[in-house]
Protein backbone atom coordinates (compact mmCIF):
# COMPACT_ATOMS: atom_id res chain seq x y z
CA MET A 1 7.42 -2.25 75.96
CA THR A 2 7.49 -2.10 72.11
CA THR A 3 6.20 0.90 70.22
CA ARG A 4 3.62 0.58 67.39
CA LEU A 5 6.27 1.57 64.86
CA THR A 6 8.64 -1.10 66.21
CA ARG A 7 5.74 -3.67 65.90
CA LEU A 8 5.00 -2.54 62.37
CA PHE A 9 8.64 -3.04 61.28
CA ASP A 10 8.69 -6.42 63.05
CA LEU A 11 5.46 -7.48 61.23
CA ILE A 12 6.88 -6.34 57.85
CA GLU A 13 10.09 -8.31 58.47
CA MET A 14 8.20 -11.45 59.69
CA LEU A 15 5.76 -11.48 56.72
CA ALA A 16 8.50 -10.83 54.17
CA ASP A 17 10.25 -14.01 55.45
CA LYS A 18 7.28 -16.46 55.50
CA PRO A 19 3.52 -16.55 55.33
CA MET A 20 1.76 -16.59 58.80
CA LYS A 21 -1.83 -17.09 59.98
CA LEU A 22 -3.41 -14.24 61.86
CA GLY A 23 -3.59 -16.17 65.17
CA HIS A 24 0.08 -17.08 65.00
CA ILE A 25 1.07 -13.52 64.29
CA SER A 26 -1.05 -12.38 67.33
CA LYS A 27 0.79 -14.79 69.61
CA VAL A 28 4.29 -13.85 68.28
CA VAL A 29 3.84 -10.15 68.66
CA ASN A 30 1.76 -10.69 71.95
CA ARG A 31 -1.19 -8.50 70.69
CA PRO A 32 -4.84 -9.25 70.13
CA ILE A 33 -5.89 -10.37 66.73
CA ARG A 34 -7.81 -7.11 66.17
CA THR A 35 -4.73 -5.06 66.85
CA VAL A 36 -2.72 -7.23 64.40
CA HIS A 37 -5.53 -6.85 61.74
CA ARG A 38 -5.36 -3.00 62.15
CA ASP A 39 -1.57 -3.11 61.82
CA LEU A 40 -1.78 -5.16 58.64
CA HIS A 41 -4.16 -2.51 57.20
CA LEU A 42 -1.76 0.20 58.12
CA ILE A 43 1.15 -1.66 56.50
CA GLU A 44 -1.03 -1.79 53.34
CA ASP A 45 -1.81 1.89 53.62
CA LEU A 46 1.95 2.54 53.81
CA GLY A 47 2.11 0.87 50.26
CA PHE A 48 3.20 -2.66 51.12
CA ALA A 49 1.47 -5.46 49.28
CA VAL A 50 0.03 -7.55 52.09
CA ASP A 51 -1.49 -10.72 50.53
CA ARG A 52 -2.97 -13.95 51.69
CA ASP A 53 -2.22 -17.47 50.23
CA PHE A 54 -4.63 -20.35 49.74
CA GLU A 55 -4.24 -21.40 53.37
CA ASN A 56 -5.21 -17.97 54.50
CA ARG A 57 -1.74 -17.03 55.69
CA TYR A 58 -0.60 -13.39 55.43
CA PHE A 59 2.62 -12.42 53.67
CA ILE A 60 4.33 -9.47 52.14
CA ASN A 61 4.46 -9.79 48.35
CA ARG A 62 8.14 -8.89 47.63
CA GLU A 63 7.55 -8.49 44.01
CA VAL A 64 5.44 -5.41 44.54
CA ARG A 65 7.55 -2.37 45.56
CA PRO A 66 6.03 -0.21 48.32
CA LYS A 67 4.43 2.89 46.89
CA PHE A 68 6.36 5.42 48.97
CA ILE A 69 9.65 4.11 47.56
CA GLU A 70 8.81 5.46 44.13
CA LYS A 71 9.19 9.06 45.63
CA PHE A 72 12.79 8.34 46.37
CA VAL A 73 13.98 6.58 43.28
């Protein structure tokens, strides 16, 4: 069983590597689309730039530094 925190880190890692559609993310993490959607919003709330491309695929914009990092630099 994976914890939510582990799943969030997995999502951040996956979406930093390549854009993915919501349905595909749901299958990979074995969670309902609604849960994945909530997780994406939480990742955004943490300061990561979650974007979508023209094919409606989600990805982490690596050019935007997460907001919480600013506190440590």
